[in-house]
């Protein structure tokens, strides 16, 4: 592999963020570009912690499946079974499996099929009020079901907020504490966590949005939840993501049977995409799939994909919302042509 060719792909696209490529669990390329603090020209490094938006759903899915393995939950447990709240018009017979597969029909507080800007959520509801999963309840609790449970696949953020609340209900721990103990620590993901934007630890990148009216960058601190929830919002490094994949495929997090079930295609279609449990799947030949997880928020873009045929993992994250999907396609095309 010509490393200089990959560098050219990244530089030609003006990439700002971090990339890591590994083959057979060995890192073959890792670079950082751009600034974690733009006004002070502090560069991104391989140790920089980046926001990842919806990518955190995969960690929630692993945690739920761990609890199922331990007998504390079942795939067919319902919303009403685990969280006996007043759910208003929401169907309390929604199952954990339907939440994992985005087929629940639960009202989505950020419906990406009709809303384009996540920052619009906070015009009437201050984002600094979102510090726990239950803080999201006012954003969807009074809405009707989107469709009858189990009847269709539609990506849904609320579903994973509810799954995180279920983790908290059965473990008596904040969901991010459970993830630290049972997902991040076993993977040696020492630079991964859910941080409040007004209490960020060292080495966290600021995220930037270009303001066309002022012709300058501004941070996204008023455009995203002040702390991540089950729907997303973890901070991590590209190295930690590599360690997550290694642990997942080494069956350190779950049994082989559960891991393969998570990575099996459960639903979806060519237009909306294919999905396992908490993870996207891109079709490959002979009915195979390439698993990946991704996230996008104002000023945030992330994707990490595993290529089974070559045992290659490619992770890209940008704190300027750069088009990591296009970069991934370009790098894949280059690698496949070798």
C-alpha atoms as a PDB file:
ATOM      1  CA  UNK A   1       0.000   0.000   0.000  1.00  0.00           C
ATOM      2  CA  UNK A   2       1.331   3.399  -1.013  1.00  0.00           C
ATOM      3  CA  UNK A   3       0.935   5.537   2.106  1.00  0.00           C
ATOM      4  CA  UNK A   4       1.638   8.688   0.137  1.00  0.00           C
ATOM      5  CA  UNK A   5      -1.371   7.952  -2.086  1.00  0.00           C
ATOM      6  CA  UNK A   6      -3.652   7.830   0.957  1.00  0.00           C
ATOM      7  CA  UNK A   7      -2.142  11.071   2.222  1.00  0.00           C
ATOM      8  CA  UNK A   8      -2.896  12.691  -1.119  1.00  0.00           C
ATOM      9  CA  UNK A   9      -6.527  11.541  -0.951  1.00  0.00           C
ATOM     10  CA  UNK A  10      -6.895  13.128   2.487  1.00  0.00           C
ATOM     11  CA  UNK A  11      -5.031  16.336   1.707  1.00  0.00           C
ATOM     12  CA  UNK A  12      -6.772  16.804  -1.654  1.00  0.00           C
ATOM     13  CA  UNK A  13     -10.119  16.731   0.163  1.00  0.00           C
ATOM     14  CA  UNK A  14      -8.880  19.155   2.834  1.00  0.00           C
ATOM     15  CA  UNK A  15      -9.499  16.640   5.621  1.00  0.00           C
ATOM     16  CA  UNK A  16      -9.411  17.878   9.213  1.00  0.00           C
ATOM     17  CA  UNK A  17      -9.468  15.184  11.862  1.00  0.00           C
ATOM     18  CA  UNK A  18      -7.910  11.762  12.415  1.00  0.00           C
ATOM     19  CA  UNK A  19      -7.655   8.554  10.449  1.00  0.00           C
ATOM     20  CA  UNK A  20      -6.453   5.079  11.340  1.00  0.00           C
ATOM     21  CA  UNK A  21      -6.199   2.047   9.052  1.00  0.00           C
ATOM     22  CA  UNK A  22      -5.308  -1.379  10.376  1.00  0.00           C
ATOM     23  CA  UNK A  23      -4.777  -4.709   8.669  1.00  0.00           C
ATOM     24  CA  UNK A  24      -4.867  -7.970  10.636  1.00  0.00           C
ATOM     25  CA  UNK A  25      -4.977  -5.849  13.826  1.00  0.00           C
ATOM     26  CA  UNK A  26      -1.725  -4.075  12.900  1.00  0.00           C
ATOM     27  CA  UNK A  27      -1.863  -0.310  12.374  1.00  0.00           C
ATOM     28  CA  UNK A  28      -0.590   0.479   8.891  1.00  0.00           C
ATOM     29  CA  UNK A  29      -1.579   4.135   8.680  1.00  0.00           C
ATOM     30  CA  UNK A  30      -2.508   6.731  11.311  1.00  0.00           C
ATOM     31  CA  UNK A  31      -2.438  10.503  10.856  1.00  0.00           C
ATOM     32  CA  UNK A  32      -3.957  13.654  12.332  1.00  0.00           C
ATOM     33  CA  UNK A  33      -4.848  16.826  10.420  1.00  0.00           C
ATOM     34  CA  UNK A  34      -6.254  20.240  11.270  1.00  0.00           C
ATOM     35  CA  UNK A  35      -6.781  21.870  14.643  1.00  0.00           C
ATOM     36  CA  UNK A  36      -8.507  20.768  17.819  1.00  0.00           C
ATOM     37  CA  UNK A  37      -8.571  24.444  18.877  1.00  0.00           C
ATOM     38  CA  UNK A  38      -8.838  26.531  15.730  1.00  0.00           C
ATOM     39  CA  UNK A  39      -8.282  30.090  17.094  1.00  0.00           C
ATOM     40  CA  UNK A  40      -5.197  28.999  19.048  1.00  0.00           C
ATOM     41  CA  UNK A  41      -3.921  26.733  16.250  1.00  0.00           C
ATOM     42  CA  UNK A  42      -3.584  23.702  18.537  1.00  0.00           C
ATOM     43  CA  UNK A  43      -3.246  20.714  16.198  1.00  0.00           C
ATOM     44  CA  UNK A  44      -5.224  17.502  16.328  1.00  0.00           C
ATOM     45  CA  UNK A  45      -3.118  14.498  17.312  1.00  0.00           C
ATOM     46  CA  UNK A  46      -3.674  10.759  17.473  1.00  0.00           C
ATOM     47  CA  UNK A  47      -4.413  11.226  21.196  1.00  0.00           C
ATOM     48  CA  UNK A  48      -7.147  13.804  20.571  1.00  0.00           C
ATOM     49  CA  UNK A  49     -10.588  12.785  21.829  1.00  0.00           C
ATOM     50  CA  UNK A  50     -13.282  13.437  19.223  1.00  0.00           C
ATOM     51  CA  UNK A  51     -17.049  13.630  19.510  1.00  0.00           C
ATOM     52  CA  UNK A  52     -18.678  10.847  17.479  1.00  0.00           C
ATOM     53  CA  UNK A  53     -22.441  11.627  17.450  1.00  0.00           C
ATOM     54  CA  UNK A  54     -24.568   8.533  16.754  1.00  0.00           C
ATOM     55  CA  UNK A  55     -21.602   6.164  16.630  1.00  0.00           C
ATOM     56  CA  UNK A  56     -22.157   5.516  20.344  1.00  0.00           C
ATOM     57  CA  UNK A  57     -25.258   3.462  19.548  1.00  0.00           C
ATOM     58  CA  UNK A  58     -22.987   0.477  18.937  1.00  0.00           C
ATOM     59  CA  UNK A  59     -21.723   0.642  22.545  1.00  0.00           C
ATOM     60  CA  UNK A  60     -25.289   0.731  23.872  1.00  0.00           C
ATOM     61  CA  UNK A  61     -26.184  -2.286  21.730  1.00  0.00           C
ATOM     62  CA  UNK A  62     -23.223  -4.254  23.097  1.00  0.00           C
ATOM     63  CA  UNK A  63     -24.271  -3.396  26.653  1.00  0.00           C
ATOM     64  CA  UNK A  64     -27.870  -4.517  26.061  1.00  0.00           C
ATOM     65  CA  UNK A  65     -26.687  -7.800  24.539  1.00  0.00           C
ATOM     66  CA  UNK A  66     -24.338  -8.358  27.492  1.00  0.00           C
ATOM     67  CA  UNK A  67     -27.278  -7.936  29.859  1.00  0.00           C
ATOM     68  CA  UNK A  68     -29.279 -10.404  27.780  1.00  0.00           C
ATOM     69  CA  UNK A  69     -26.434 -12.910  28.004  1.00  0.00           C
ATOM     70  CA  UNK A  70     -26.356 -12.497  31.782  1.00  0.00           C
ATOM     71  CA  UNK A  71     -30.118 -13.060  32.021  1.00  0.00           C
ATOM     72  CA  UNK A  72     -30.977  -9.553  33.250  1.00  0.00           C
ATOM     73  CA  UNK A  73     -32.847  -8.724  30.054  1.00  0.00           C
ATOM     74  CA  UNK A  74     -34.501 -10.560  27.157  1.00  0.00           C
ATOM     75  CA  UNK A  75     -34.958  -9.469  23.557  1.00  0.00           C
ATOM     76  CA  UNK A  76     -38.724  -9.765  23.979  1.00  0.00           C
ATOM     77  CA  UNK A  77     -38.907  -7.702  27.178  1.00  0.00           C
ATOM     78  CA  UNK A  78     -41.112  -4.687  26.602  1.00  0.00           C
ATOM     79  CA  UNK A  79     -40.981  -0.989  27.301  1.00  0.00           C
ATOM     80  CA  UNK A  80     -43.677  -1.406  29.956  1.00  0.00           C
ATOM     81  CA  UNK A  81     -41.869  -4.370  31.552  1.00  0.00           C
ATOM     82  CA  UNK A  82     -38.590  -2.542  32.157  1.00  0.00           C
ATOM     83  CA  UNK A  83     -39.619   1.108  32.431  1.00  0.00           C
ATOM     84  CA  UNK A  84     -43.045   1.411  34.123  1.00  0.00           C
ATOM     85  CA  UNK A  85     -43.552   5.102  33.353  1.00  0.00           C
ATOM     86  CA  UNK A  86     -46.537   6.968  31.976  1.00  0.00           C
ATOM     87  CA  UNK A  87     -45.722   6.630  28.280  1.00  0.00           C
ATOM     88  CA  UNK A  88     -48.812   8.561  27.151  1.00  0.00           C
ATOM     89  CA  UNK A  89     -49.710   7.384  23.614  1.00  0.00           C
ATOM     90  CA  UNK A  90     -46.535   5.346  23.134  1.00  0.00           C
ATOM     91  CA  UNK A  91     -47.058   1.591  22.771  1.00  0.00           C
ATOM     92  CA  UNK A  92     -45.691  -0.039  25.938  1.00  0.00           C
ATOM     93  CA  UNK A  93     -45.455  -3.404  24.138  1.00  0.00           C
ATOM     94  CA  UNK A  94     -42.458  -2.231  22.101  1.00  0.00           C
ATOM     95  CA  UNK A  95     -39.720  -4.842  22.595  1.00  0.00           C
ATOM     96  CA  UNK A  96     -36.005  -4.470  23.189  1.00  0.00           C
ATOM     97  CA  UNK A  97     -35.356  -6.203  19.877  1.00  0.00           C
ATOM     98  CA  UNK A  98     -37.530  -3.698  18.024  1.00  0.00           C
ATOM     99  CA  UNK A  99     -35.627  -0.833  19.666  1.00  0.00           C
ATOM    100  CA  UNK A 100     -32.287  -2.400  18.670  1.00  0.00           C
ATOM    101  CA  UNK A 101     -33.458  -2.837  15.062  1.00  0.00           C
ATOM    102  CA  UNK A 102     -35.148   0.572  14.619  1.00  0.00           C
ATOM    103  CA  UNK A 103     -38.551  -1.029  14.020  1.00  0.00           C
ATOM    104  CA  UNK A 104     -40.254   0.177  17.218  1.00  0.00           C
ATOM    105  CA  UNK A 105     -42.218   3.112  15.792  1.00  0.00           C
ATOM    106  CA  UNK A 106     -41.500   5.091  18.974  1.00  0.00           C
ATOM    107  CA  UNK A 107     -41.670   8.862  18.274  1.00  0.00           C
ATOM    108  CA  UNK A 108     -38.222  10.099  17.339  1.00  0.00           C
ATOM    109  CA  UNK A 109     -37.192  13.326  19.050  1.00  0.00           C
ATOM    110  CA  UNK A 110     -34.947  13.985  16.030  1.00  0.00           C
ATOM    111  CA  UNK A 111     -36.649  12.495  12.991  1.00  0.00           C
ATOM    112  CA  UNK A 112     -33.953  12.613  10.316  1.00  0.00           C
ATOM    113  CA  UNK A 113     -36.514  11.920   7.599  1.00  0.00           C
ATOM    114  CA  UNK A 114     -38.119  15.352   8.149  1.00  0.00           C
ATOM    115  CA  UNK A 115     -35.478  17.358  10.051  1.00  0.00           C
ATOM    116  CA  UNK A 116     -32.122  18.270   8.522  1.00  0.00           C
ATOM    117  CA  UNK A 117     -30.451  20.293  11.274  1.00  0.00           C
ATOM    118  CA  UNK A 118     -29.909  18.794  14.718  1.00  0.00           C
ATOM    119  CA  UNK A 119     -29.280  22.273  16.083  1.00  0.00           C
ATOM    120  CA  UNK A 120     -32.921  23.187  15.386  1.00  0.00           C
ATOM    121  CA  UNK A 121     -33.943  21.043  18.374  1.00  0.00           C
ATOM    122  CA  UNK A 122     -32.532  23.596  20.785  1.00  0.00           C
ATOM    123  CA  UNK A 123     -34.380  26.702  19.586  1.00  0.00           C
ATOM    124  CA  UNK A 124     -37.103  26.206  22.197  1.00  0.00           C
ATOM    125  CA  UNK A 125     -35.447  23.671  24.528  1.00  0.00           C
ATOM    126  CA  UNK A 126     -31.986  24.627  25.851  1.00  0.00           C
ATOM    127  CA  UNK A 127     -29.381  22.009  25.016  1.00  0.00           C
ATOM    128  CA  UNK A 128     -27.688  22.479  28.397  1.00  0.00           C
ATOM    129  CA  UNK A 129     -30.667  20.719  29.977  1.00  0.00           C
ATOM    130  CA  UNK A 130     -29.683  17.407  28.331  1.00  0.00           C
ATOM    131  CA  UNK A 131     -27.321  15.769  30.814  1.00  0.00           C
ATOM    132  CA  UNK A 132     -29.056  12.397  31.324  1.00  0.00           C
ATOM    133  CA  UNK A 133     -31.212  10.122  29.187  1.00  0.00           C
ATOM    134  CA  UNK A 134     -34.373  11.008  31.091  1.00  0.00           C
ATOM    135  CA  UNK A 135     -33.762  14.673  30.221  1.00  0.00           C
ATOM    136  CA  UNK A 136     -34.701  13.773  26.624  1.00  0.00           C
ATOM    137  CA  UNK A 137     -38.206  12.595  27.607  1.00  0.00           C
ATOM    138  CA  UNK A 138     -39.907  16.011  27.135  1.00  0.00           C
ATOM    139  CA  UNK A 139     -38.748  16.049  23.513  1.00  0.00           C
ATOM    140  CA  UNK A 140     -40.833  13.020  22.504  1.00  0.00           C
ATOM    141  CA  UNK A 141     -43.159  11.848  25.277  1.00  0.00           C
ATOM    142  CA  UNK A 142     -46.215  13.757  24.047  1.00  0.00           C
ATOM    143  CA  UNK A 143     -45.812  12.723  20.415  1.00  0.00           C
ATOM    144  CA  UNK A 144     -47.810   9.897  18.778  1.00  0.00           C
ATOM    145  CA  UNK A 145     -46.295   6.663  17.521  1.00  0.00           C
ATOM    146  CA  UNK A 146     -44.633   7.066  14.131  1.00  0.00           C
ATOM    147  CA  UNK A 147     -46.084   3.751  12.906  1.00  0.00           C
ATOM    148  CA  UNK A 148     -47.306   0.499  14.514  1.00  0.00           C
ATOM    149  CA  UNK A 149     -44.423  -1.294  16.235  1.00  0.00           C
ATOM    150  CA  UNK A 150     -42.637  -3.908  14.175  1.00  0.00           C
ATOM    151  CA  UNK A 151     -44.100  -2.889  10.821  1.00  0.00           C
ATOM    152  CA  UNK A 152     -41.162  -1.084   9.208  1.00  0.00           C
ATOM    153  CA  UNK A 153     -37.504  -0.082   9.546  1.00  0.00           C
ATOM    154  CA  UNK A 154     -36.791   3.613  10.201  1.00  0.00           C
ATOM    155  CA  UNK A 155     -33.668   4.896  11.904  1.00  0.00           C
ATOM    156  CA  UNK A 156     -34.637   6.207  15.322  1.00  0.00           C
ATOM    157  CA  UNK A 157     -32.653   8.117  17.960  1.00  0.00           C
ATOM    158  CA  UNK A 158     -35.258   7.869  20.725  1.00  0.00           C
ATOM    159  CA  UNK A 159     -35.033   4.081  20.678  1.00  0.00           C
ATOM    160  CA  UNK A 160     -31.449   4.117  21.899  1.00  0.00           C
ATOM    161  CA  UNK A 161     -32.171   6.724  24.569  1.00  0.00           C
ATOM    162  CA  UNK A 162     -34.786   4.273  25.878  1.00  0.00           C
ATOM    163  CA  UNK A 163     -32.323   1.353  25.659  1.00  0.00           C
ATOM    164  CA  UNK A 164     -29.845   3.365  27.748  1.00  0.00           C
ATOM    165  CA  UNK A 165     -32.611   4.016  30.295  1.00  0.00           C
ATOM    166  CA  UNK A 166     -33.181   0.255  30.415  1.00  0.00           C
ATOM    167  CA  UNK A 167     -29.489  -0.300  31.155  1.00  0.00           C
ATOM    168  CA  UNK A 168     -29.800   2.142  34.040  1.00  0.00           C
ATOM    169  CA  UNK A 169     -32.981   0.480  35.312  1.00  0.00           C
ATOM    170  CA  UNK A 170     -31.553  -3.038  35.544  1.00  0.00           C
ATOM    171  CA  UNK A 171     -28.011  -2.131  36.704  1.00  0.00           C
ATOM    172  CA  UNK A 172     -28.758   0.820  39.009  1.00  0.00           C
ATOM    173  CA  UNK A 173     -25.874   2.662  37.353  1.00  0.00           C
ATOM    174  CA  UNK A 174     -25.744   5.615  34.960  1.00  0.00           C
ATOM    175  CA  UNK A 175     -25.479   4.085  31.496  1.00  0.00           C
ATOM    176  CA  UNK A 176     -22.087   5.657  30.819  1.00  0.00           C
ATOM    177  CA  UNK A 177     -20.721   4.186  34.072  1.00  0.00           C
ATOM    178  CA  UNK A 178     -21.941   0.758  32.983  1.00  0.00           C
ATOM    179  CA  UNK A 179     -20.300   1.236  29.583  1.00  0.00           C
ATOM    180  CA  UNK A 180     -17.014   2.206  31.231  1.00  0.00           C
ATOM    181  CA  UNK A 181     -16.960  -0.945  33.341  1.00  0.00           C
ATOM    182  CA  UNK A 182     -18.251  -3.422  30.781  1.00  0.00           C
ATOM    183  CA  UNK A 183     -17.300  -2.090  27.358  1.00  0.00           C
ATOM    184  CA  UNK A 184     -14.554   0.523  27.505  1.00  0.00           C
ATOM    185  CA  UNK A 185     -12.403  -1.007  30.258  1.00  0.00           C
ATOM    186  CA  UNK A 186     -12.329  -4.544  28.764  1.00  0.00           C
ATOM    187  CA  UNK A 187     -11.243  -3.002  25.457  1.00  0.00           C
ATOM    188  CA  UNK A 188      -8.592  -0.796  27.122  1.00  0.00           C
ATOM    189  CA  UNK A 189     -10.420   2.216  25.668  1.00  0.00           C
ATOM    190  CA  UNK A 190      -8.859   4.552  28.217  1.00  0.00           C
ATOM    191  CA  UNK A 191      -9.580   7.712  26.210  1.00  0.00           C
ATOM    192  CA  UNK A 192     -13.300   7.103  25.659  1.00  0.00           C
ATOM    193  CA  UNK A 193     -16.198   8.525  27.651  1.00  0.00           C
ATOM    194  CA  UNK A 194     -19.299  10.701  27.785  1.00  0.00           C
ATOM    195  CA  UNK A 195     -18.317  14.220  28.807  1.00  0.00           C
ATOM    196  CA  UNK A 196     -20.294  17.380  29.439  1.00  0.00           C
ATOM    197  CA  UNK A 197     -19.323  20.188  27.070  1.00  0.00           C
ATOM    198  CA  UNK A 198     -18.842  22.565  29.986  1.00  0.00           C
ATOM    199  CA  UNK A 199     -16.629  20.021  31.815  1.00  0.00           C
ATOM    200  CA  UNK A 200     -14.486  18.602  29.024  1.00  0.00           C
ATOM    201  CA  UNK A 201     -11.281  16.833  30.104  1.00  0.00           C
ATOM    202  CA  UNK A 202      -7.894  17.438  28.496  1.00  0.00           C
ATOM    203  CA  UNK A 203      -7.201  16.580  24.861  1.00  0.00           C
ATOM    204  CA  UNK A 204     -10.803  16.940  23.641  1.00  0.00           C
ATOM    205  CA  UNK A 205     -11.280  18.559  20.249  1.00  0.00           C
ATOM    206  CA  UNK A 206     -13.648  21.457  19.832  1.00  0.00           C
ATOM    207  CA  UNK A 207     -16.097  20.966  16.976  1.00  0.00           C
ATOM    208  CA  UNK A 208     -16.526  23.696  14.394  1.00  0.00           C
ATOM    209  CA  UNK A 209     -19.303  24.879  12.105  1.00  0.00           C
ATOM    210  CA  UNK A 210     -18.611  27.383   9.338  1.00  0.00           C
ATOM    211  CA  UNK A 211     -20.777  30.493   9.700  1.00  0.00           C
ATOM    212  CA  UNK A 212     -21.347  31.778   6.169  1.00  0.00           C
ATOM    213  CA  UNK A 213     -22.782  35.110   7.308  1.00  0.00           C
ATOM    214  CA  UNK A 214     -19.736  35.975   9.399  1.00  0.00           C
ATOM    215  CA  UNK A 215     -17.282  34.063   7.187  1.00  0.00           C
ATOM    216  CA  UNK A 216     -15.690  32.352  10.165  1.00  0.00           C
ATOM    217  CA  UNK A 217     -15.906  29.220  12.280  1.00  0.00           C
ATOM    218  CA  UNK A 218     -17.952  28.889  15.442  1.00  0.00           C
ATOM    219  CA  UNK A 219     -18.095  25.983  17.868  1.00  0.00           C
ATOM    220  CA  UNK A 220     -21.084  23.650  18.088  1.00  0.00           C
ATOM    221  CA  UNK A 221     -21.669  24.113  21.833  1.00  0.00           C
ATOM    222  CA  UNK A 222     -25.212  25.428  21.245  1.00  0.00           C
ATOM    223  CA  UNK A 223     -26.021  22.858  18.549  1.00  0.00           C
ATOM    224  CA  UNK A 224     -25.714  19.503  20.363  1.00  0.00           C
ATOM    225  CA  UNK A 225     -26.668  17.921  23.685  1.00  0.00           C
ATOM    226  CA  UNK A 226     -24.406  19.183  26.440  1.00  0.00           C
ATOM    227  CA  UNK A 227     -23.741  15.523  27.322  1.00  0.00           C
ATOM    228  CA  UNK A 228     -24.219  12.410  25.234  1.00  0.00           C
ATOM    229  CA  UNK A 229     -27.044   9.937  25.749  1.00  0.00           C
ATOM    230  CA  UNK A 230     -27.866   6.470  24.491  1.00  0.00           C
ATOM    231  CA  UNK A 231     -28.504   8.058  21.075  1.00  0.00           C
ATOM    232  CA  UNK A 232     -24.847   9.071  20.826  1.00  0.00           C
ATOM    233  CA  UNK A 233     -22.299  11.593  22.011  1.00  0.00           C
ATOM    234  CA  UNK A 234     -19.298   9.548  23.149  1.00  0.00           C
ATOM    235  CA  UNK A 235     -15.835  11.075  22.838  1.00  0.00           C
ATOM    236  CA  UNK A 236     -13.079   8.727  21.711  1.00  0.00           C
ATOM    237  CA  UNK A 237      -9.822   8.369  19.792  1.00  0.00           C
ATOM    238  CA  UNK A 238      -9.167   6.469  16.582  1.00  0.00           C
ATOM    239  CA  UNK A 239      -6.876   4.176  18.557  1.00  0.00           C
ATOM    240  CA  UNK A 240      -9.637   3.311  21.014  1.00  0.00           C
ATOM    241  CA  UNK A 241     -11.980   2.493  18.138  1.00  0.00           C
ATOM    242  CA  UNK A 242      -9.376   0.081  16.792  1.00  0.00           C
ATOM    243  CA  UNK A 243      -9.208  -1.582  20.204  1.00  0.00           C
ATOM    244  CA  UNK A 244     -13.012  -1.868  20.239  1.00  0.00           C
ATOM    245  CA  UNK A 245     -13.018  -3.749  16.922  1.00  0.00           C
ATOM    246  CA  UNK A 246     -10.208  -6.029  18.143  1.00  0.00           C
ATOM    247  CA  UNK A 247     -12.131  -6.890  21.324  1.00  0.00           C
ATOM    248  CA  UNK A 248     -15.395  -7.374  19.431  1.00  0.00           C
ATOM    249  CA  UNK A 249     -13.884  -9.843  16.975  1.00  0.00           C
ATOM    250  CA  UNK A 250     -11.918 -11.581  19.747  1.00  0.00           C
ATOM    251  CA  UNK A 251     -15.245 -12.163  21.579  1.00  0.00           C
ATOM    252  CA  UNK A 252     -14.007 -10.374  24.709  1.00  0.00           C
ATOM    253  CA  UNK A 253     -17.242  -8.406  24.999  1.00  0.00           C
ATOM    254  CA  UNK A 254     -19.784 -11.106  24.176  1.00  0.00           C
ATOM    255  CA  UNK A 255     -19.829 -14.741  23.151  1.00  0.00           C
ATOM    256  CA  UNK A 256     -19.185 -15.628  19.540  1.00  0.00           C
ATOM    257  CA  UNK A 257     -22.851 -16.545  19.090  1.00  0.00           C
ATOM    258  CA  UNK A 258     -24.121 -13.194  20.394  1.00  0.00           C
ATOM    259  CA  UNK A 259     -21.487 -11.230  18.471  1.00  0.00           C
ATOM    260  CA  UNK A 260     -22.406 -12.874  15.184  1.00  0.00           C
ATOM    261  CA  UNK A 261     -26.094 -12.330  15.915  1.00  0.00           C
ATOM    262  CA  UNK A 262     -25.405  -8.629  16.489  1.00  0.00           C
ATOM    263  CA  UNK A 263     -23.591  -8.452  13.149  1.00  0.00           C
ATOM    264  CA  UNK A 264     -26.245 -10.406  11.241  1.00  0.00           C
ATOM    265  CA  UNK A 265     -28.588  -8.488   8.946  1.00  0.00           C
ATOM    266  CA  UNK A 266     -31.945  -8.239  10.716  1.00  0.00           C
ATOM    267  CA  UNK A 267     -33.705  -5.656   8.577  1.00  0.00           C
ATOM    268  CA  UNK A 268     -33.398  -2.679   6.262  1.00  0.00           C
ATOM    269  CA  UNK A 269     -33.423  -2.155   2.520  1.00  0.00           C
ATOM    270  CA  UNK A 270     -31.281  -0.784  -0.264  1.00  0.00           C
ATOM    271  CA  UNK A 271     -32.676   2.738   0.149  1.00  0.00           C
ATOM    272  CA  UNK A 272     -32.508   3.043   3.957  1.00  0.00           C
ATOM    273  CA  UNK A 273     -29.538   0.733   4.520  1.00  0.00           C
ATOM    274  CA  UNK A 274     -29.176  -2.623   6.239  1.00  0.00           C
ATOM    275  CA  UNK A 275     -28.926  -3.057   9.975  1.00  0.00           C
ATOM    276  CA  UNK A 276     -27.977  -5.603  12.626  1.00  0.00           C
ATOM    277  CA  UNK A 277     -28.314  -4.803  16.320  1.00  0.00           C
ATOM    278  CA  UNK A 278     -26.971  -1.266  16.775  1.00  0.00           C
ATOM    279  CA  UNK A 279     -24.684  -1.456  13.745  1.00  0.00           C
ATOM    280  CA  UNK A 280     -24.967  -0.776  10.025  1.00  0.00           C
ATOM    281  CA  UNK A 281     -24.177  -3.428   7.403  1.00  0.00           C
ATOM    282  CA  UNK A 282     -23.012  -2.831   3.849  1.00  0.00           C
ATOM    283  CA  UNK A 283     -23.759  -5.734   1.473  1.00  0.00           C
ATOM    284  CA  UNK A 284     -20.846  -7.690   0.068  1.00  0.00           C
ATOM    285  CA  UNK A 285     -20.732 -10.685  -2.269  1.00  0.00           C
ATOM    286  CA  UNK A 286     -22.085 -14.129  -1.324  1.00  0.00           C
ATOM    287  CA  UNK A 287     -24.628 -12.645   1.097  1.00  0.00           C
ATOM    288  CA  UNK A 288     -21.864 -11.195   3.260  1.00  0.00           C
ATOM    289  CA  UNK A 289     -21.782  -7.767   4.895  1.00  0.00           C
ATOM    290  CA  UNK A 290     -19.231  -5.195   5.955  1.00  0.00           C
ATOM    291  CA  UNK A 291     -20.220  -3.823   9.391  1.00  0.00           C
ATOM    292  CA  UNK A 292     -19.764  -0.152  10.181  1.00  0.00           C
ATOM    293  CA  UNK A 293     -20.938   2.463  12.639  1.00  0.00           C
ATOM    294  CA  UNK A 294     -21.195   6.161  12.005  1.00  0.00           C
ATOM    295  CA  UNK A 295     -22.323   9.496  13.352  1.00  0.00           C
ATOM    296  CA  UNK A 296     -23.056  13.020  12.213  1.00  0.00           C
ATOM    297  CA  UNK A 297     -23.877  16.157  14.195  1.00  0.00           C
ATOM    298  CA  UNK A 298     -23.218  19.834  13.471  1.00  0.00           C
ATOM    299  CA  UNK A 299     -19.420  19.999  13.289  1.00  0.00           C
ATOM    300  CA  UNK A 300     -19.076  16.226  13.830  1.00  0.00           C
ATOM    301  CA  UNK A 301     -18.579  13.405  11.334  1.00  0.00           C
ATOM    302  CA  UNK A 302     -17.438   9.862  12.090  1.00  0.00           C
ATOM    303  CA  UNK A 303     -17.314   6.470  10.429  1.00  0.00           C
ATOM    304  CA  UNK A 304     -15.526   3.227  11.243  1.00  0.00           C
ATOM    305  CA  UNK A 305     -15.842   0.253   8.899  1.00  0.00           C
ATOM    306  CA  UNK A 306     -14.571  -3.317   8.915  1.00  0.00           C
ATOM    307  CA  UNK A 307     -13.761  -5.091   5.657  1.00  0.00           C
ATOM    308  CA  UNK A 308     -14.035  -8.846   6.387  1.00  0.00           C
ATOM    309  CA  UNK A 309     -12.398 -10.065   3.187  1.00  0.00           C
ATOM    310  CA  UNK A 310      -9.184  -8.141   3.859  1.00  0.00           C
ATOM    311  CA  UNK A 311      -9.452  -7.927   7.673  1.00  0.00           C
ATOM    312  CA  UNK A 312      -9.063  -4.149   7.363  1.00  0.00           C
ATOM    313  CA  UNK A 313     -10.521  -1.497   9.684  1.00  0.00           C
ATOM    314  CA  UNK A 314     -10.746   2.114   8.514  1.00  0.00           C
ATOM    315  CA  UNK A 315     -11.738   4.832  11.000  1.00  0.00           C
ATOM    316  CA  UNK A 316     -12.217   8.489  10.099  1.00  0.00           C
ATOM    317  CA  UNK A 317     -13.383  11.295  12.382  1.00  0.00           C
ATOM    318  CA  UNK A 318     -13.570  15.036  11.768  1.00  0.00           C
ATOM    319  CA  UNK A 319     -14.240  17.883  14.179  1.00  0.00           C
ATOM    320  CA  UNK A 320     -15.249  20.113  11.238  1.00  0.00           C
ATOM    321  CA  UNK A 321     -17.953  17.850   9.837  1.00  0.00           C
ATOM    322  CA  UNK A 322     -15.858  16.878   6.801  1.00  0.00           C
ATOM    323  CA  UNK A 323     -17.225  14.287   4.369  1.00  0.00           C
ATOM    324  CA  UNK A 324     -15.698  11.167   5.905  1.00  0.00           C
ATOM    325  CA  UNK A 325     -18.049   8.984   3.831  1.00  0.00           C
ATOM    326  CA  UNK A 326     -16.567  10.197   0.560  1.00  0.00           C
ATOM    327  CA  UNK A 327     -13.054   9.774   1.932  1.00  0.00           C
ATOM    328  CA  UNK A 328     -13.843   6.214   3.008  1.00  0.00           C
ATOM    329  CA  UNK A 329     -15.115   5.384  -0.493  1.00  0.00           C
ATOM    330  CA  UNK A 330     -11.995   6.849  -2.084  1.00  0.00           C
ATOM    331  CA  UNK A 331      -9.671   4.932   0.239  1.00  0.00           C
ATOM    332  CA  UNK A 332     -11.611   1.694  -0.274  1.00  0.00           C
ATOM    333  CA  UNK A 333     -11.386   2.114  -4.050  1.00  0.00           C
ATOM    334  CA  UNK A 334      -7.639   2.670  -3.809  1.00  0.00           C
ATOM    335  CA  UNK A 335      -7.076  -0.334  -1.523  1.00  0.00           C
ATOM    336  CA  UNK A 336      -9.277  -2.652  -3.623  1.00  0.00           C
ATOM    337  CA  UNK A 337      -7.305  -1.663  -6.729  1.00  0.00           C
ATOM    338  CA  UNK A 338      -4.010  -2.785  -5.234  1.00  0.00           C
END
